Amino acid sequence: MKISLSQRKLKDGRISLSIEFYRGSEITDDGKRKHLRNFENLDTYLIVDPKTAKEKKENKEALEFAENVIAIRKAEYAQGRFELKNTAKAKRVFLNFFADLAEEKRTLDSSNNYGNWFSTYQYLKKVVPKNLTFEEIDEYFIKKVRKYFEKDAISKSDLPLSQNSKYSYFNKFKAALRNAFR
C-alpha cells in the first residue's frame, strides 16, 4: 500500500489536502483496470499564492500537519491492524492461501466440510481481488466480504444464498483469517 499526500485545487482558489491510500489495481470483468484508492480528507487547506508572512506561515503549518498525519498512518500500516505474527503469511496472496487451506481440509476432514470450503473459495474468487495479500486486509475489506455473502452472492440456480450458507461461508472466511493471524 502506498500512502501519500494528495492536493486538489478548489473553485474558491484554495488547495484541499487529503491522504491517498493506494492499494494497487485489479482488472474488472470487462477487462478495464480499476485502481483501488481510498482518501482521508484532512479538512486542511493551502492558499495558492501566499502573499503575506501570515499566509506563508499558515501554509507551512498546514503542510507540517499533513506530513505528521501521513507519518502516523504509515506507522499504523507498518504495525498492521491485525498484527501478523508470521510475516511470511503477510506477503502471501489471500486466495492462494485459502485454496491451500481448502485442499488441506479435503485430506484431513470429511468430504462435506471440504465441500463447504471449496464452495466458499468459489464465491470468494468473485469478490476478492486476485492479488490481494494479507497485509492489505482491513476492516473495510472484511465488511465488504460479509456484505457480499449477505446480499450479492447468488447460487447456481440464480437464487440468493440460503441463510445457513451465508453464515457457513462467512465463517469459513473468518476461520481462514484466524488461521493466518495466529
C-alpha atoms as a PDB file:
ATOM      1  CA  MET A   1       0.000   0.000   0.000  1.00  0.00           C
ATOM      2  CA  LYS A   2       1.221   3.470  -0.857  1.00  0.00           C
ATOM      3  CA  ILE A   3       0.229   6.326   1.447  1.00  0.00           C
ATOM      4  CA  SER A   4       0.743   9.814   0.066  1.00  0.00           C
ATOM      5  CA  LEU A   5      -0.434  13.412   0.267  1.00  0.00           C
ATOM      6  CA  SER A   6      -2.998  14.455  -2.307  1.00  0.00           C
ATOM      7  CA  GLN A   7      -3.643  18.090  -3.205  1.00  0.00           C
ATOM      8  CA  ARG A   8      -6.763  19.194  -5.048  1.00  0.00           C
ATOM      9  CA  LYS A   9      -7.424  22.740  -6.209  1.00  0.00           C
ATOM     10  CA  LEU A  10     -10.854  24.029  -5.206  1.00  0.00           C
ATOM     11  CA  LYS A  11     -13.041  26.512  -7.084  1.00  0.00           C
ATOM     12  CA  ASP A  12     -12.501  29.167  -4.413  1.00  0.00           C
ATOM     13  CA  GLY A  13      -8.752  29.179  -5.079  1.00  0.00           C
ATOM     14  CA  ARG A  14      -7.615  27.145  -2.087  1.00  0.00           C
ATOM     15  CA  ILE A  15      -5.929  23.745  -2.226  1.00  0.00           C
ATOM     16  CA  SER A  16      -7.523  20.925  -0.228  1.00  0.00           C
ATOM     17  CA  LEU A  17      -5.186  18.415   1.436  1.00  0.00           C
ATOM     18  CA  SER A  18      -6.077  14.748   1.838  1.00  0.00           C
ATOM     19  CA  ILE A  19      -4.302  11.435   2.290  1.00  0.00           C
ATOM     20  CA  GLU A  20      -4.470   8.903  -0.525  1.00  0.00           C
ATOM     21  CA  PHE A  21      -4.275   5.194   0.325  1.00  0.00           C
ATOM     22  CA  TYR A  22      -3.362   3.448  -2.943  1.00  0.00           C
ATOM     23  CA  ARG A  23      -3.825  -0.322  -2.764  1.00  0.00           C
ATOM     24  CA  GLY A  24      -2.872  -1.296  -6.300  1.00  0.00           C
ATOM     25  CA  SER A  25      -5.257  -2.162  -9.071  1.00  0.00           C
ATOM     26  CA  GLU A  26      -7.332  -5.007 -10.392  1.00  0.00           C
ATOM     27  CA  ILE A  27      -8.766  -5.972 -13.751  1.00  0.00           C
ATOM     28  CA  THR A  28     -12.562  -5.845 -13.819  1.00  0.00           C
ATOM     29  CA  ASP A  29     -14.755  -8.396 -15.572  1.00  0.00           C
ATOM     30  CA  ASP A  30     -14.993  -6.162 -18.640  1.00  0.00           C
ATOM     31  CA  GLY A  31     -11.177  -6.007 -18.927  1.00  0.00           C
ATOM     32  CA  LYS A  32     -10.623  -2.499 -17.585  1.00  0.00           C
ATOM     33  CA  ARG A  33      -8.074  -1.645 -14.902  1.00  0.00           C
ATOM     34  CA  LYS A  34      -9.649  -0.333 -11.702  1.00  0.00           C
ATOM     35  CA  HIS A  35      -7.390   1.481  -9.245  1.00  0.00           C
ATOM     36  CA  LEU A  36      -8.108   0.745  -5.592  1.00  0.00           C
ATOM     37  CA  ARG A  37      -7.892   4.018  -3.708  1.00  0.00           C
ATOM     38  CA  ASN A  38      -9.287   5.443  -0.511  1.00  0.00           C
ATOM     39  CA  PHE A  39      -8.976   9.027   0.663  1.00  0.00           C
ATOM     40  CA  GLU A  40      -8.955  10.622   4.100  1.00  0.00           C
ATOM     41  CA  ASN A  41      -9.874  14.297   3.979  1.00  0.00           C
ATOM     42  CA  LEU A  42      -7.802  16.349   6.409  1.00  0.00           C
ATOM     43  CA  ASP A  43     -10.056  19.439   6.315  1.00  0.00           C
ATOM     44  CA  THR A  44      -6.877  21.461   5.873  1.00  0.00           C
ATOM     45  CA  TYR A  45      -6.311  23.955   3.093  1.00  0.00           C
ATOM     46  CA  LEU A  46      -3.435  25.823   1.477  1.00  0.00           C
ATOM     47  CA  ILE A  47      -3.575  29.301  -0.004  1.00  0.00           C
ATOM     48  CA  VAL A  48      -2.490  29.169  -3.662  1.00  0.00           C
ATOM     49  CA  ASP A  49      -0.248  32.239  -3.822  1.00  0.00           C
ATOM     50  CA  PRO A  50       0.527  33.307  -0.253  1.00  0.00           C
ATOM     51  CA  LYS A  51       1.433  36.977  -0.222  1.00  0.00           C
ATOM     52  CA  THR A  52       1.821  37.843   3.459  1.00  0.00           C
ATOM     53  CA  ALA A  53       4.055  36.243   6.056  1.00  0.00           C
ATOM     54  CA  LYS A  54       0.944  35.078   7.909  1.00  0.00           C
ATOM     55  CA  GLU A  55      -0.382  33.215   4.839  1.00  0.00           C
ATOM     56  CA  LYS A  56       3.032  31.625   4.233  1.00  0.00           C
ATOM     57  CA  LYS A  57       3.187  30.524   7.859  1.00  0.00           C
ATOM     58  CA  GLU A  58      -0.330  29.032   7.657  1.00  0.00           C
ATOM     59  CA  ASN A  59       0.650  27.080   4.533  1.00  0.00           C
ATOM     60  CA  LYS A  60       3.799  25.799   6.210  1.00  0.00           C
ATOM     61  CA  GLU A  61       1.858  24.710   9.314  1.00  0.00           C
ATOM     62  CA  ALA A  62      -0.811  23.018   7.188  1.00  0.00           C
ATOM     63  CA  LEU A  63       1.823  21.030   5.277  1.00  0.00           C
ATOM     64  CA  GLU A  64       3.586  20.051   8.511  1.00  0.00           C
ATOM     65  CA  PHE A  65       0.261  18.889   9.947  1.00  0.00           C
ATOM     66  CA  ALA A  66      -0.444  16.828   6.820  1.00  0.00           C
ATOM     67  CA  GLU A  67       3.021  15.245   6.891  1.00  0.00           C
ATOM     68  CA  ASN A  68       2.559  14.358  10.578  1.00  0.00           C
ATOM     69  CA  VAL A  69      -0.766  12.663   9.848  1.00  0.00           C
ATOM     70  CA  ILE A  70       0.834  10.742   6.964  1.00  0.00           C
ATOM     71  CA  ALA A  71       3.649   9.604   9.260  1.00  0.00           C
ATOM     72  CA  ILE A  72       1.063   8.364  11.771  1.00  0.00           C
ATOM     73  CA  ARG A  73      -0.893   6.497   9.067  1.00  0.00           C
ATOM     74  CA  LYS A  74       2.297   4.902   7.734  1.00  0.00           C
ATOM     75  CA  ALA A  75       3.245   3.791  11.241  1.00  0.00           C
ATOM     76  CA  GLU A  76      -0.227   2.311  11.768  1.00  0.00           C
ATOM     77  CA  TYR A  77       0.073   0.481   8.461  1.00  0.00           C
ATOM     78  CA  ALA A  78       3.573  -0.794   9.298  1.00  0.00           C
ATOM     79  CA  GLN A  79       2.340  -2.154  12.629  1.00  0.00           C
ATOM     80  CA  GLY A  80      -0.606  -3.825  10.949  1.00  0.00           C
ATOM     81  CA  ARG A  81      -4.141  -3.750  12.235  1.00  0.00           C
ATOM     82  CA  PHE A  82      -4.208  -7.453  12.876  1.00  0.00           C
ATOM     83  CA  GLU A  83      -0.576  -7.731  13.986  1.00  0.00           C
ATOM     84  CA  LEU A  84       0.507 -10.707  11.925  1.00  0.00           C
ATOM     85  CA  LYS A  85       2.894 -12.867  13.901  1.00  0.00           C
ATOM     86  CA  ASN A  86       4.061 -14.742  10.816  1.00  0.00           C
ATOM     87  CA  THR A  87       5.399 -12.128   8.414  1.00  0.00           C
ATOM     88  CA  ALA A  88       5.769 -14.682   5.617  1.00  0.00           C
ATOM     89  CA  LYS A  89       1.983 -15.021   5.592  1.00  0.00           C
ATOM     90  CA  ALA A  90       1.595 -11.235   5.430  1.00  0.00           C
ATOM     91  CA  LYS A  91       3.078 -11.230   1.928  1.00  0.00           C
ATOM     92  CA  ARG A  92       1.035 -14.216   0.781  1.00  0.00           C
ATOM     93  CA  VAL A  93      -1.849 -13.852  -1.642  1.00  0.00           C
ATOM     94  CA  PHE A  94      -5.099 -14.472   0.233  1.00  0.00           C
ATOM     95  CA  LEU A  95      -6.840 -16.579  -2.432  1.00  0.00           C
ATOM     96  CA  ASN A  96      -3.823 -18.896  -2.779  1.00  0.00           C
ATOM     97  CA  PHE A  97      -3.713 -19.327   0.988  1.00  0.00           C
ATOM     98  CA  PHE A  98      -7.446 -20.063   1.105  1.00  0.00           C
ATOM     99  CA  ALA A  99      -7.149 -22.619  -1.725  1.00  0.00           C
ATOM    100  CA  ASP A 100      -4.308 -24.385   0.122  1.00  0.00           C
ATOM    101  CA  LEU A 101      -6.351 -24.391   3.313  1.00  0.00           C
ATOM    102  CA  ALA A 102      -9.365 -25.849   1.484  1.00  0.00           C
ATOM    103  CA  GLU A 103      -7.144 -28.551  -0.022  1.00  0.00           C
ATOM    104  CA  GLU A 104      -5.802 -29.333   3.452  1.00  0.00           C
ATOM    105  CA  LYS A 105      -9.396 -29.752   4.655  1.00  0.00           C
ATOM    106  CA  ARG A 106     -10.006 -32.238   1.832  1.00  0.00           C
ATOM    107  CA  THR A 107      -7.226 -34.508   3.071  1.00  0.00           C
ATOM    108  CA  LEU A 108      -7.935 -34.142   6.789  1.00  0.00           C
ATOM    109  CA  ASP A 109     -11.695 -33.684   7.156  1.00  0.00           C
ATOM    110  CA  SER A 110     -14.870 -35.172   5.811  1.00  0.00           C
ATOM    111  CA  SER A 111     -15.955 -34.540   2.247  1.00  0.00           C
ATOM    112  CA  ASN A 112     -18.893 -32.407   3.459  1.00  0.00           C
ATOM    113  CA  ASN A 113     -16.598 -29.970   5.237  1.00  0.00           C
ATOM    114  CA  TYR A 114     -14.321 -29.804   2.194  1.00  0.00           C
ATOM    115  CA  GLY A 115     -17.381 -29.061   0.056  1.00  0.00           C
ATOM    116  CA  ASN A 116     -18.161 -26.029   2.213  1.00  0.00           C
ATOM    117  CA  TRP A 117     -14.560 -24.805   1.990  1.00  0.00           C
ATOM    118  CA  PHE A 118     -14.481 -25.337  -1.778  1.00  0.00           C
ATOM    119  CA  SER A 119     -17.797 -23.515  -2.262  1.00  0.00           C
ATOM    120  CA  THR A 120     -16.580 -20.637  -0.102  1.00  0.00           C
ATOM    121  CA  TYR A 121     -13.451 -20.444  -2.247  1.00  0.00           C
ATOM    122  CA  GLN A 122     -15.541 -20.315  -5.435  1.00  0.00           C
ATOM    123  CA  TYR A 123     -17.591 -17.396  -4.061  1.00  0.00           C
ATOM    124  CA  LEU A 124     -14.527 -15.580  -2.707  1.00  0.00           C
ATOM    125  CA  LYS A 125     -12.925 -15.636  -6.168  1.00  0.00           C
ATOM    126  CA  LYS A 126     -15.797 -13.402  -7.296  1.00  0.00           C
ATOM    127  CA  VAL A 127     -15.307 -10.724  -4.634  1.00  0.00           C
ATOM    128  CA  VAL A 128     -11.618 -10.844  -3.636  1.00  0.00           C
ATOM    129  CA  PRO A 129      -9.018  -9.272  -5.968  1.00  0.00           C
ATOM    130  CA  LYS A 130      -6.650 -11.944  -7.302  1.00  0.00           C
ATOM    131  CA  ASN A 131      -3.514 -10.230  -5.991  1.00  0.00           C
ATOM    132  CA  LEU A 132      -4.787  -9.223  -2.520  1.00  0.00           C
ATOM    133  CA  THR A 133      -2.231 -10.001   0.196  1.00  0.00           C
ATOM    134  CA  PHE A 134      -2.890 -10.446   3.896  1.00  0.00           C
ATOM    135  CA  GLU A 135      -1.212  -7.158   4.742  1.00  0.00           C
ATOM    136  CA  GLU A 136      -3.873  -5.383   2.662  1.00  0.00           C
ATOM    137  CA  ILE A 137      -6.771  -6.942   4.559  1.00  0.00           C
ATOM    138  CA  ASP A 138      -8.509  -4.454   6.815  1.00  0.00           C
ATOM    139  CA  GLU A 139     -11.857  -3.918   8.473  1.00  0.00           C
ATOM    140  CA  TYR A 140     -13.335  -2.395   5.306  1.00  0.00           C
ATOM    141  CA  PHE A 141     -12.408  -5.472   3.273  1.00  0.00           C
ATOM    142  CA  ILE A 142     -13.967  -7.848   5.821  1.00  0.00           C
ATOM    143  CA  LYS A 143     -17.194  -5.822   5.807  1.00  0.00           C
ATOM    144  CA  LYS A 144     -17.178  -5.929   2.004  1.00  0.00           C
ATOM    145  CA  VAL A 145     -16.944  -9.749   2.029  1.00  0.00           C
ATOM    146  CA  ARG A 146     -19.675 -10.010   4.645  1.00  0.00           C
ATOM    147  CA  LYS A 147     -21.971  -7.751   2.602  1.00  0.00           C
ATOM    148  CA  TYR A 148     -21.237  -9.844  -0.483  1.00  0.00           C
ATOM    149  CA  PHE A 149     -22.323 -13.057   1.239  1.00  0.00           C
ATOM    150  CA  GLU A 150     -25.386 -11.404   2.791  1.00  0.00           C
ATOM    151  CA  LYS A 151     -26.723  -9.567  -0.253  1.00  0.00           C
ATOM    152  CA  ASP A 152     -24.878 -10.160  -3.521  1.00  0.00           C
ATOM    153  CA  ALA A 153     -23.891 -13.848  -3.673  1.00  0.00           C
ATOM    154  CA  ILE A 154     -26.085 -15.908  -5.987  1.00  0.00           C
ATOM    155  CA  SER A 155     -26.348 -19.705  -6.030  1.00  0.00           C
ATOM    156  CA  LYS A 156     -26.036 -21.863  -9.163  1.00  0.00           C
ATOM    157  CA  SER A 157     -29.814 -21.695  -9.585  1.00  0.00           C
ATOM    158  CA  ASP A 158     -29.753 -17.856  -9.667  1.00  0.00           C
ATOM    159  CA  LEU A 159     -31.268 -17.558  -6.197  1.00  0.00           C
ATOM    160  CA  PRO A 160     -29.843 -15.762  -3.174  1.00  0.00           C
ATOM    161  CA  LEU A 161     -27.858 -17.973  -0.820  1.00  0.00           C
ATOM    162  CA  SER A 162     -29.766 -19.618   1.995  1.00  0.00           C
ATOM    163  CA  GLN A 163     -29.290 -18.213   5.477  1.00  0.00           C
ATOM    164  CA  ASN A 164     -27.227 -21.234   6.553  1.00  0.00           C
ATOM    165  CA  SER A 165     -24.958 -20.991   3.504  1.00  0.00           C
ATOM    166  CA  LYS A 166     -24.342 -17.283   4.121  1.00  0.00           C
ATOM    167  CA  TYR A 167     -23.246 -17.943   7.696  1.00  0.00           C
ATOM    168  CA  SER A 168     -21.281 -21.066   6.833  1.00  0.00           C
ATOM    169  CA  TYR A 169     -19.302 -19.402   4.032  1.00  0.00           C
ATOM    170  CA  PHE A 170     -18.557 -16.274   6.034  1.00  0.00           C
ATOM    171  CA  ASN A 171     -17.481 -18.428   8.993  1.00  0.00           C
ATOM    172  CA  LYS A 172     -15.071 -20.341   6.719  1.00  0.00           C
ATOM    173  CA  PHE A 173     -13.664 -16.988   5.592  1.00  0.00           C
ATOM    174  CA  LYS A 174     -13.211 -15.894   9.230  1.00  0.00           C
ATOM    175  CA  ALA A 175     -11.604 -19.233  10.115  1.00  0.00           C
ATOM    176  CA  ALA A 176      -9.056 -18.726   7.342  1.00  0.00           C
ATOM    177  CA  LEU A 177      -8.243 -15.255   8.694  1.00  0.00           C
ATOM    178  CA  ARG A 178      -7.838 -16.609  12.220  1.00  0.00           C
ATOM    179  CA  ASN A 179      -5.561 -19.322  10.893  1.00  0.00           C
ATOM    180  CA  ALA A 180      -3.401 -16.733   9.134  1.00  0.00           C
ATOM    181  CA  PHE A 181      -3.246 -14.330  12.076  1.00  0.00           C
ATOM    182  CA  ARG A 182      -2.182 -16.924  14.660  1.00  0.00           C
END
